[in-house]
């Protein structure tokens, strides 16, 4: 089964569950900490887990890989962690999970515009359909919510663009490097900064004095260790094993998991949002078909 398609799809399913659950975990963390504290703690814990790997292989990293690894650290881990938590101070976790499904569409666009990839008409139609779906998502709750929370939704869109940049860089510039090493060294470039930031916050006091303090730490620990360190390493492995578009197709399944958790958390999930999600996933499907 080591080289089978079944293993690829199983990996997608595992990633979908872990990342689909990350939105509700961020929401739980925000019950105690502010958005930057949640993002920083997530990145810092992921860095701590993989720091032995990074330090062990640091001398093996070729100089030409430093730039791409820095991009992966910032775009694949650092920046999105803060964008998502900031966005989820105003928008529901399920809504963020739906918008996250734009990643494959931006991955295709970036590949075509900057990496000389070729795309068929069907793929361009898929991008157009997905963007229409995103617009439907934004207006699904009416113009009042559009103007009130539209900025925060755009933060999620920016995070998906960051992810799209990261997966393209991994696929085109780091194909010869082991996935776990990519993840560990990329986190080494952003994790310590997150740790220093936490020293200047009141996170220690919040943990010990707020009712949900330790529970929130547990949620963020799961988010950092499994949702970032383990899942990103697995995702990077999948990118190298298959293709950018196949790996980013995990976003077909992530919204389903996110909606499930959102439903359990009594979030307002409307018919219009589901229509927008269906259009985005239809666009993703078109970009992945020959």
C-alpha atoms as a PDB file:
ATOM      1  CA  UNK A   1       0.000   0.000   0.000  1.00  0.00           C
ATOM      2  CA  UNK A   2       3.061   2.230   0.303  1.00  0.00           C
ATOM      3  CA  UNK A   3       2.734   3.654  -3.221  1.00  0.00           C
ATOM      4  CA  UNK A   4      -0.991   3.249  -3.707  1.00  0.00           C
ATOM      5  CA  UNK A   5      -3.654   5.810  -4.498  1.00  0.00           C
ATOM      6  CA  UNK A   6      -5.532   4.539  -1.440  1.00  0.00           C
ATOM      7  CA  UNK A   7      -2.746   5.841   0.795  1.00  0.00           C
ATOM      8  CA  UNK A   8      -2.975   9.259  -0.850  1.00  0.00           C
ATOM      9  CA  UNK A   9      -6.719   9.444  -0.202  1.00  0.00           C
ATOM     10  CA  UNK A  10      -6.333   8.178   3.363  1.00  0.00           C
ATOM     11  CA  UNK A  11      -3.779  10.913   3.973  1.00  0.00           C
ATOM     12  CA  UNK A  12      -6.253  13.476   2.615  1.00  0.00           C
ATOM     13  CA  UNK A  13      -8.926  12.192   4.992  1.00  0.00           C
ATOM     14  CA  UNK A  14      -6.636  12.444   8.027  1.00  0.00           C
ATOM     15  CA  UNK A  15      -5.568  15.953   7.069  1.00  0.00           C
ATOM     16  CA  UNK A  16      -9.182  16.973   6.501  1.00  0.00           C
ATOM     17  CA  UNK A  17     -10.201  15.835   9.975  1.00  0.00           C
ATOM     18  CA  UNK A  18      -7.272  17.536  11.705  1.00  0.00           C
ATOM     19  CA  UNK A  19      -7.471  20.801   9.753  1.00  0.00           C
ATOM     20  CA  UNK A  20     -11.263  20.803   9.652  1.00  0.00           C
ATOM     21  CA  UNK A  21     -11.185  20.658  13.443  1.00  0.00           C
ATOM     22  CA  UNK A  22      -8.644  23.475  13.703  1.00  0.00           C
ATOM     23  CA  UNK A  23     -11.240  26.226  13.233  1.00  0.00           C
ATOM     24  CA  UNK A  24     -13.298  25.213  16.247  1.00  0.00           C
ATOM     25  CA  UNK A  25     -10.093  24.725  18.256  1.00  0.00           C
ATOM     26  CA  UNK A  26      -9.056  28.291  17.449  1.00  0.00           C
ATOM     27  CA  UNK A  27     -12.481  29.457  18.567  1.00  0.00           C
ATOM     28  CA  UNK A  28     -12.065  27.597  21.860  1.00  0.00           C
ATOM     29  CA  UNK A  29      -8.649  29.174  22.373  1.00  0.00           C
ATOM     30  CA  UNK A  30     -10.121  32.621  21.779  1.00  0.00           C
ATOM     31  CA  UNK A  31     -12.407  32.120  24.792  1.00  0.00           C
ATOM     32  CA  UNK A  32      -9.379  32.830  27.005  1.00  0.00           C
ATOM     33  CA  UNK A  33      -6.677  34.477  24.878  1.00  0.00           C
ATOM     34  CA  UNK A  34      -6.612  37.229  22.279  1.00  0.00           C
ATOM     35  CA  UNK A  35      -6.109  36.423  18.610  1.00  0.00           C
ATOM     36  CA  UNK A  36      -2.355  37.074  18.512  1.00  0.00           C
ATOM     37  CA  UNK A  37      -1.757  35.020  21.648  1.00  0.00           C
ATOM     38  CA  UNK A  38      -3.585  32.047  20.117  1.00  0.00           C
ATOM     39  CA  UNK A  39      -1.663  32.360  16.850  1.00  0.00           C
ATOM     40  CA  UNK A  40       1.702  32.781  18.572  1.00  0.00           C
ATOM     41  CA  UNK A  41       1.144  29.905  20.996  1.00  0.00           C
ATOM     42  CA  UNK A  42       0.082  27.629  18.145  1.00  0.00           C
ATOM     43  CA  UNK A  43       3.226  28.370  16.125  1.00  0.00           C
ATOM     44  CA  UNK A  44       5.529  28.261  19.148  1.00  0.00           C
ATOM     45  CA  UNK A  45       4.274  24.857  20.337  1.00  0.00           C
ATOM     46  CA  UNK A  46       4.623  23.425  16.833  1.00  0.00           C
ATOM     47  CA  UNK A  47       8.178  24.778  16.713  1.00  0.00           C
ATOM     48  CA  UNK A  48       9.036  23.203  20.077  1.00  0.00           C
ATOM     49  CA  UNK A  49       7.808  19.799  18.943  1.00  0.00           C
ATOM     50  CA  UNK A  50       9.891  19.806  15.765  1.00  0.00           C
ATOM     51  CA  UNK A  51      12.908  21.791  16.962  1.00  0.00           C
ATOM     52  CA  UNK A  52      15.053  18.656  17.548  1.00  0.00           C
ATOM     53  CA  UNK A  53      14.505  17.670  13.908  1.00  0.00           C
ATOM     54  CA  UNK A  54      15.363  21.177  12.724  1.00  0.00           C
ATOM     55  CA  UNK A  55      18.551  21.382  14.769  1.00  0.00           C
ATOM     56  CA  UNK A  56      19.620  17.892  13.692  1.00  0.00           C
ATOM     57  CA  UNK A  57      19.349  18.688   9.984  1.00  0.00           C
ATOM     58  CA  UNK A  58      20.151  22.398   9.959  1.00  0.00           C
ATOM     59  CA  UNK A  59      23.711  21.912   8.712  1.00  0.00           C
ATOM     60  CA  UNK A  60      22.453  19.870   5.764  1.00  0.00           C
ATOM     61  CA  UNK A  61      20.301  22.696   4.387  1.00  0.00           C
ATOM     62  CA  UNK A  62      21.785  24.126   1.164  1.00  0.00           C
ATOM     63  CA  UNK A  63      22.107  27.897   1.030  1.00  0.00           C
ATOM     64  CA  UNK A  64      19.774  28.138  -1.969  1.00  0.00           C
ATOM     65  CA  UNK A  65      16.973  26.558   0.102  1.00  0.00           C
ATOM     66  CA  UNK A  66      17.040  29.212   2.853  1.00  0.00           C
ATOM     67  CA  UNK A  67      14.869  31.666   0.929  1.00  0.00           C
ATOM     68  CA  UNK A  68      12.182  29.124  -0.022  1.00  0.00           C
ATOM     69  CA  UNK A  69      12.141  27.767   3.539  1.00  0.00           C
ATOM     70  CA  UNK A  70      11.640  31.266   4.914  1.00  0.00           C
ATOM     71  CA  UNK A  71       8.695  31.730   2.532  1.00  0.00           C
ATOM     72  CA  UNK A  72       7.217  28.420   3.695  1.00  0.00           C
ATOM     73  CA  UNK A  73       7.725  29.413   7.331  1.00  0.00           C
ATOM     74  CA  UNK A  74       5.981  32.747   6.869  1.00  0.00           C
ATOM     75  CA  UNK A  75       3.275  31.799   4.354  1.00  0.00           C
ATOM     76  CA  UNK A  76       2.657  28.195   5.352  1.00  0.00           C
ATOM     77  CA  UNK A  77       2.772  28.643   9.122  1.00  0.00           C
ATOM     78  CA  UNK A  78       3.380  32.090  10.581  1.00  0.00           C
ATOM     79  CA  UNK A  79       1.160  34.628   8.830  1.00  0.00           C
ATOM     80  CA  UNK A  80      -1.964  32.431   8.388  1.00  0.00           C
ATOM     81  CA  UNK A  81      -1.964  31.483  12.076  1.00  0.00           C
ATOM     82  CA  UNK A  82      -2.529  35.127  12.999  1.00  0.00           C
ATOM     83  CA  UNK A  83      -4.870  35.904  10.113  1.00  0.00           C
ATOM     84  CA  UNK A  84      -7.231  33.059  10.989  1.00  0.00           C
ATOM     85  CA  UNK A  85      -7.383  33.826  14.697  1.00  0.00           C
ATOM     86  CA  UNK A  86      -7.954  37.525  14.049  1.00  0.00           C
ATOM     87  CA  UNK A  87     -10.709  36.697  11.560  1.00  0.00           C
ATOM     88  CA  UNK A  88     -12.417  34.320  13.960  1.00  0.00           C
ATOM     89  CA  UNK A  89     -12.880  37.029  16.527  1.00  0.00           C
ATOM     90  CA  UNK A  90     -15.700  38.220  14.246  1.00  0.00           C
ATOM     91  CA  UNK A  91     -16.708  35.329  11.959  1.00  0.00           C
ATOM     92  CA  UNK A  92     -17.837  31.790  12.735  1.00  0.00           C
ATOM     93  CA  UNK A  93     -15.424  28.865  12.574  1.00  0.00           C
ATOM     94  CA  UNK A  94     -17.596  27.121   9.971  1.00  0.00           C
ATOM     95  CA  UNK A  95     -17.515  30.214   7.729  1.00  0.00           C
ATOM     96  CA  UNK A  96     -13.713  30.350   7.981  1.00  0.00           C
ATOM     97  CA  UNK A  97     -13.574  26.662   7.074  1.00  0.00           C
ATOM     98  CA  UNK A  98     -15.679  27.282   3.980  1.00  0.00           C
ATOM     99  CA  UNK A  99     -13.481  30.152   2.792  1.00  0.00           C
ATOM    100  CA  UNK A 100     -10.405  27.994   3.353  1.00  0.00           C
ATOM    101  CA  UNK A 101     -11.511  25.880   0.375  1.00  0.00           C
ATOM    102  CA  UNK A 102     -10.203  28.640  -1.936  1.00  0.00           C
ATOM    103  CA  UNK A 103      -6.619  27.378  -1.497  1.00  0.00           C
ATOM    104  CA  UNK A 104      -6.472  25.152  -4.638  1.00  0.00           C
ATOM    105  CA  UNK A 105      -7.820  27.939  -6.825  1.00  0.00           C
ATOM    106  CA  UNK A 106      -5.155  30.385  -5.656  1.00  0.00           C
ATOM    107  CA  UNK A 107      -2.543  27.635  -5.937  1.00  0.00           C
ATOM    108  CA  UNK A 108      -3.404  27.266  -9.613  1.00  0.00           C
ATOM    109  CA  UNK A 109      -3.401  31.035 -10.202  1.00  0.00           C
ATOM    110  CA  UNK A 110       0.001  31.497  -8.567  1.00  0.00           C
ATOM    111  CA  UNK A 111       1.449  28.566 -10.476  1.00  0.00           C
ATOM    112  CA  UNK A 112       0.263  29.999 -13.784  1.00  0.00           C
ATOM    113  CA  UNK A 113       1.151  33.637 -13.109  1.00  0.00           C
ATOM    114  CA  UNK A 114       4.546  33.185 -11.472  1.00  0.00           C
ATOM    115  CA  UNK A 115       5.821  29.662 -12.161  1.00  0.00           C
ATOM    116  CA  UNK A 116       4.970  29.286 -15.864  1.00  0.00           C
ATOM    117  CA  UNK A 117       2.454  26.507 -15.286  1.00  0.00           C
ATOM    118  CA  UNK A 118      -0.097  25.863 -18.004  1.00  0.00           C
ATOM    119  CA  UNK A 119      -3.806  25.716 -17.320  1.00  0.00           C
ATOM    120  CA  UNK A 120      -6.635  24.560 -19.547  1.00  0.00           C
ATOM    121  CA  UNK A 121      -9.847  26.472 -20.142  1.00  0.00           C
ATOM    122  CA  UNK A 122     -11.640  24.142 -17.755  1.00  0.00           C
ATOM    123  CA  UNK A 123      -9.238  25.103 -14.962  1.00  0.00           C
ATOM    124  CA  UNK A 124      -9.828  28.825 -15.576  1.00  0.00           C
ATOM    125  CA  UNK A 125     -13.573  28.207 -15.498  1.00  0.00           C
ATOM    126  CA  UNK A 126     -13.034  26.451 -12.181  1.00  0.00           C
ATOM    127  CA  UNK A 127     -11.199  29.472 -10.777  1.00  0.00           C
ATOM    128  CA  UNK A 128     -14.005  31.771 -11.952  1.00  0.00           C
ATOM    129  CA  UNK A 129     -16.676  29.505 -10.475  1.00  0.00           C
ATOM    130  CA  UNK A 130     -14.807  29.327  -7.169  1.00  0.00           C
ATOM    131  CA  UNK A 131     -14.465  33.082  -6.936  1.00  0.00           C
ATOM    132  CA  UNK A 132     -18.184  33.475  -7.635  1.00  0.00           C
ATOM    133  CA  UNK A 133     -18.771  31.007  -4.809  1.00  0.00           C
ATOM    134  CA  UNK A 134     -16.649  33.138  -2.489  1.00  0.00           C
ATOM    135  CA  UNK A 135     -18.732  36.197  -3.362  1.00  0.00           C
ATOM    136  CA  UNK A 136     -21.924  34.239  -2.643  1.00  0.00           C
ATOM    137  CA  UNK A 137     -20.459  33.233   0.717  1.00  0.00           C
ATOM    138  CA  UNK A 138     -19.700  36.846   1.581  1.00  0.00           C
ATOM    139  CA  UNK A 139     -23.184  38.096   0.752  1.00  0.00           C
ATOM    140  CA  UNK A 140     -25.028  35.075   2.162  1.00  0.00           C
ATOM    141  CA  UNK A 141     -25.896  36.872   5.409  1.00  0.00           C
ATOM    142  CA  UNK A 142     -26.957  40.144   3.850  1.00  0.00           C
ATOM    143  CA  UNK A 143     -25.304  43.479   3.225  1.00  0.00           C
ATOM    144  CA  UNK A 144     -25.191  44.448   6.899  1.00  0.00           C
ATOM    145  CA  UNK A 145     -22.954  41.493   7.771  1.00  0.00           C
ATOM    146  CA  UNK A 146     -21.057  42.004   4.527  1.00  0.00           C
ATOM    147  CA  UNK A 147     -19.908  45.466   5.565  1.00  0.00           C
ATOM    148  CA  UNK A 148     -19.531  44.586   9.247  1.00  0.00           C
ATOM    149  CA  UNK A 149     -17.517  41.386   8.872  1.00  0.00           C
ATOM    150  CA  UNK A 150     -16.313  41.509   5.267  1.00  0.00           C
ATOM    151  CA  UNK A 151     -12.854  42.671   6.336  1.00  0.00           C
ATOM    152  CA  UNK A 152     -12.430  39.649   8.591  1.00  0.00           C
ATOM    153  CA  UNK A 153     -13.516  37.304   5.838  1.00  0.00           C
ATOM    154  CA  UNK A 154     -10.908  38.885   3.592  1.00  0.00           C
ATOM    155  CA  UNK A 155      -8.277  38.030   6.209  1.00  0.00           C
ATOM    156  CA  UNK A 156      -9.148  34.362   5.665  1.00  0.00           C
ATOM    157  CA  UNK A 157      -8.873  34.857   1.896  1.00  0.00           C
ATOM    158  CA  UNK A 158      -5.423  36.384   2.424  1.00  0.00           C
ATOM    159  CA  UNK A 159      -4.475  33.356   4.525  1.00  0.00           C
ATOM    160  CA  UNK A 160      -5.519  31.019   1.687  1.00  0.00           C
ATOM    161  CA  UNK A 161      -3.307  33.001  -0.695  1.00  0.00           C
ATOM    162  CA  UNK A 162      -0.426  32.524   1.750  1.00  0.00           C
ATOM    163  CA  UNK A 163      -1.050  28.773   1.806  1.00  0.00           C
ATOM    164  CA  UNK A 164      -1.171  28.708  -1.991  1.00  0.00           C
ATOM    165  CA  UNK A 165       2.211  30.456  -2.184  1.00  0.00           C
ATOM    166  CA  UNK A 166       3.674  27.965   0.292  1.00  0.00           C
ATOM    167  CA  UNK A 167       2.523  24.819  -1.500  1.00  0.00           C
ATOM    168  CA  UNK A 168       3.866  26.082  -4.825  1.00  0.00           C
ATOM    169  CA  UNK A 169       7.230  26.921  -3.290  1.00  0.00           C
ATOM    170  CA  UNK A 170       7.471  23.457  -1.709  1.00  0.00           C
ATOM    171  CA  UNK A 171       6.531  21.703  -4.915  1.00  0.00           C
ATOM    172  CA  UNK A 172       8.849  23.700  -7.192  1.00  0.00           C
ATOM    173  CA  UNK A 173      11.840  24.594  -5.015  1.00  0.00           C
ATOM    174  CA  UNK A 174      12.041  22.051  -2.198  1.00  0.00           C
ATOM    175  CA  UNK A 175      11.130  18.821  -3.962  1.00  0.00           C
ATOM    176  CA  UNK A 176      14.420  17.149  -2.984  1.00  0.00           C
ATOM    177  CA  UNK A 177      14.081  17.868   0.733  1.00  0.00           C
ATOM    178  CA  UNK A 178      12.370  15.559   3.214  1.00  0.00           C
ATOM    179  CA  UNK A 179       8.930  16.767   4.255  1.00  0.00           C
ATOM    180  CA  UNK A 180       9.607  16.628   7.990  1.00  0.00           C
ATOM    181  CA  UNK A 181      12.791  18.671   7.502  1.00  0.00           C
ATOM    182  CA  UNK A 182      10.944  21.306   5.461  1.00  0.00           C
ATOM    183  CA  UNK A 183       8.339  21.661   8.176  1.00  0.00           C
ATOM    184  CA  UNK A 184      10.814  21.693  11.065  1.00  0.00           C
ATOM    185  CA  UNK A 185      13.222  24.224   9.549  1.00  0.00           C
ATOM    186  CA  UNK A 186      10.377  26.449   8.333  1.00  0.00           C
ATOM    187  CA  UNK A 187       8.975  26.519  11.875  1.00  0.00           C
ATOM    188  CA  UNK A 188      12.464  27.241  13.234  1.00  0.00           C
ATOM    189  CA  UNK A 189      12.344  30.487  11.266  1.00  0.00           C
ATOM    190  CA  UNK A 190       9.079  31.708  12.798  1.00  0.00           C
ATOM    191  CA  UNK A 191       8.643  29.786  16.062  1.00  0.00           C
ATOM    192  CA  UNK A 192      11.221  31.625  18.215  1.00  0.00           C
ATOM    193  CA  UNK A 193       9.733  34.998  17.200  1.00  0.00           C
ATOM    194  CA  UNK A 194       6.333  33.777  18.380  1.00  0.00           C
ATOM    195  CA  UNK A 195       7.888  32.650  21.657  1.00  0.00           C
ATOM    196  CA  UNK A 196       9.509  36.037  22.262  1.00  0.00           C
ATOM    197  CA  UNK A 197       6.186  37.751  21.544  1.00  0.00           C
ATOM    198  CA  UNK A 198       4.455  35.599  24.173  1.00  0.00           C
ATOM    199  CA  UNK A 199       6.942  36.799  26.810  1.00  0.00           C
ATOM    200  CA  UNK A 200       5.487  40.290  26.481  1.00  0.00           C
ATOM    201  CA  UNK A 201       1.853  39.233  26.887  1.00  0.00           C
ATOM    202  CA  UNK A 202      -0.287  38.333  29.890  1.00  0.00           C
ATOM    203  CA  UNK A 203      -0.817  34.772  28.703  1.00  0.00           C
ATOM    204  CA  UNK A 204       0.621  33.243  31.888  1.00  0.00           C
ATOM    205  CA  UNK A 205      -1.767  35.224  34.061  1.00  0.00           C
ATOM    206  CA  UNK A 206      -4.698  34.379  31.796  1.00  0.00           C
ATOM    207  CA  UNK A 207      -3.945  30.662  32.039  1.00  0.00           C
ATOM    208  CA  UNK A 208      -3.993  30.642  35.819  1.00  0.00           C
ATOM    209  CA  UNK A 209      -6.765  33.150  36.515  1.00  0.00           C
ATOM    210  CA  UNK A 210      -9.390  32.645  33.816  1.00  0.00           C
ATOM    211  CA  UNK A 211     -11.907  29.781  34.219  1.00  0.00           C
ATOM    212  CA  UNK A 212     -11.117  28.142  30.866  1.00  0.00           C
ATOM    213  CA  UNK A 213      -7.396  28.942  30.939  1.00  0.00           C
ATOM    214  CA  UNK A 214      -5.942  25.443  31.021  1.00  0.00           C
ATOM    215  CA  UNK A 215      -8.635  24.065  28.710  1.00  0.00           C
ATOM    216  CA  UNK A 216      -7.760  26.728  26.151  1.00  0.00           C
ATOM    217  CA  UNK A 217      -4.089  25.778  26.412  1.00  0.00           C
ATOM    218  CA  UNK A 218      -5.054  22.162  25.749  1.00  0.00           C
ATOM    219  CA  UNK A 219      -7.031  23.139  22.644  1.00  0.00           C
ATOM    220  CA  UNK A 220      -4.175  25.248  21.299  1.00  0.00           C
ATOM    221  CA  UNK A 221      -1.640  22.528  22.119  1.00  0.00           C
ATOM    222  CA  UNK A 222      -3.640  20.079  20.023  1.00  0.00           C
ATOM    223  CA  UNK A 223      -3.846  22.734  17.317  1.00  0.00           C
ATOM    224  CA  UNK A 224      -0.104  23.386  17.360  1.00  0.00           C
ATOM    225  CA  UNK A 225       1.163  19.830  17.750  1.00  0.00           C
ATOM    226  CA  UNK A 226      -1.252  18.024  15.464  1.00  0.00           C
ATOM    227  CA  UNK A 227      -2.799  20.799  13.362  1.00  0.00           C
ATOM    228  CA  UNK A 228       0.528  22.445  12.544  1.00  0.00           C
ATOM    229  CA  UNK A 229       3.593  20.294  13.302  1.00  0.00           C
ATOM    230  CA  UNK A 230       2.292  16.836  12.363  1.00  0.00           C
ATOM    231  CA  UNK A 231      -0.295  17.812   9.751  1.00  0.00           C
ATOM    232  CA  UNK A 232       1.949  20.258   7.882  1.00  0.00           C
ATOM    233  CA  UNK A 233       4.709  17.650   7.692  1.00  0.00           C
ATOM    234  CA  UNK A 234       2.183  15.132   6.362  1.00  0.00           C
ATOM    235  CA  UNK A 235       0.815  17.695   3.911  1.00  0.00           C
ATOM    236  CA  UNK A 236       4.292  18.573   2.624  1.00  0.00           C
ATOM    237  CA  UNK A 237       4.915  14.862   2.128  1.00  0.00           C
ATOM    238  CA  UNK A 238       1.697  14.594   0.137  1.00  0.00           C
ATOM    239  CA  UNK A 239       2.615  17.580  -2.069  1.00  0.00           C
ATOM    240  CA  UNK A 240       5.901  15.941  -3.006  1.00  0.00           C
ATOM    241  CA  UNK A 241       4.274  12.528  -3.471  1.00  0.00           C
ATOM    242  CA  UNK A 242       1.432  13.717  -5.703  1.00  0.00           C
ATOM    243  CA  UNK A 243       0.872  17.279  -6.956  1.00  0.00           C
ATOM    244  CA  UNK A 244      -0.011  20.718  -5.649  1.00  0.00           C
ATOM    245  CA  UNK A 245      -3.594  20.444  -6.854  1.00  0.00           C
ATOM    246  CA  UNK A 246      -4.159  16.953  -5.458  1.00  0.00           C
ATOM    247  CA  UNK A 247      -2.720  17.885  -2.069  1.00  0.00           C
ATOM    248  CA  UNK A 248      -4.720  21.095  -1.832  1.00  0.00           C
ATOM    249  CA  UNK A 249      -7.866  19.133  -2.705  1.00  0.00           C
ATOM    250  CA  UNK A 250      -7.979  18.368   1.001  1.00  0.00           C
ATOM    251  CA  UNK A 251     -10.062  21.530   1.037  1.00  0.00           C
ATOM    252  CA  UNK A 252     -12.943  19.505  -0.411  1.00  0.00           C
ATOM    253  CA  UNK A 253     -13.224  17.789   2.946  1.00  0.00           C
ATOM    254  CA  UNK A 254     -12.069  20.443   5.419  1.00  0.00           C
ATOM    255  CA  UNK A 255     -15.296  22.495   5.181  1.00  0.00           C
ATOM    256  CA  UNK A 256     -17.401  19.404   5.838  1.00  0.00           C
ATOM    257  CA  UNK A 257     -15.538  18.777   9.099  1.00  0.00           C
ATOM    258  CA  UNK A 258     -15.629  22.481   9.979  1.00  0.00           C
ATOM    259  CA  UNK A 259     -19.390  22.636   9.346  1.00  0.00           C
ATOM    260  CA  UNK A 260     -19.892  19.532  11.488  1.00  0.00           C
ATOM    261  CA  UNK A 261     -18.106  21.135  14.445  1.00  0.00           C
ATOM    262  CA  UNK A 262     -19.880  24.416  13.785  1.00  0.00           C
ATOM    263  CA  UNK A 263     -23.233  22.632  13.860  1.00  0.00           C
ATOM    264  CA  UNK A 264     -22.354  21.071  17.233  1.00  0.00           C
ATOM    265  CA  UNK A 265     -21.354  24.532  18.487  1.00  0.00           C
ATOM    266  CA  UNK A 266     -24.763  25.938  17.396  1.00  0.00           C
ATOM    267  CA  UNK A 267     -23.262  28.243  14.789  1.00  0.00           C
ATOM    268  CA  UNK A 268     -25.629  29.819  12.262  1.00  0.00           C
ATOM    269  CA  UNK A 269     -25.047  27.934   9.002  1.00  0.00           C
ATOM    270  CA  UNK A 270     -27.409  29.196   6.316  1.00  0.00           C
ATOM    271  CA  UNK A 271     -28.513  27.811   2.972  1.00  0.00           C
ATOM    272  CA  UNK A 272     -26.762  30.668   1.169  1.00  0.00           C
ATOM    273  CA  UNK A 273     -23.440  29.733   2.755  1.00  0.00           C
ATOM    274  CA  UNK A 274     -23.837  26.137   1.621  1.00  0.00           C
ATOM    275  CA  UNK A 275     -24.589  27.367  -1.907  1.00  0.00           C
ATOM    276  CA  UNK A 276     -21.409  29.422  -1.909  1.00  0.00           C
ATOM    277  CA  UNK A 277     -19.399  26.469  -0.627  1.00  0.00           C
ATOM    278  CA  UNK A 278     -20.872  24.213  -3.343  1.00  0.00           C
ATOM    279  CA  UNK A 279     -19.777  26.694  -6.024  1.00  0.00           C
ATOM    280  CA  UNK A 280     -16.244  26.881  -4.600  1.00  0.00           C
ATOM    281  CA  UNK A 281     -15.911  23.103  -4.424  1.00  0.00           C
ATOM    282  CA  UNK A 282     -17.300  22.828  -7.941  1.00  0.00           C
ATOM    283  CA  UNK A 283     -14.580  25.202  -9.052  1.00  0.00           C
ATOM    284  CA  UNK A 284     -11.941  23.174  -7.251  1.00  0.00           C
ATOM    285  CA  UNK A 285     -13.250  20.051  -9.007  1.00  0.00           C
ATOM    286  CA  UNK A 286     -12.903  21.682 -12.432  1.00  0.00           C
ATOM    287  CA  UNK A 287      -9.318  22.752 -11.717  1.00  0.00           C
ATOM    288  CA  UNK A 288      -8.434  19.153 -10.839  1.00  0.00           C
ATOM    289  CA  UNK A 289      -9.942  17.437 -13.888  1.00  0.00           C
ATOM    290  CA  UNK A 290      -8.078  16.804 -17.129  1.00  0.00           C
END
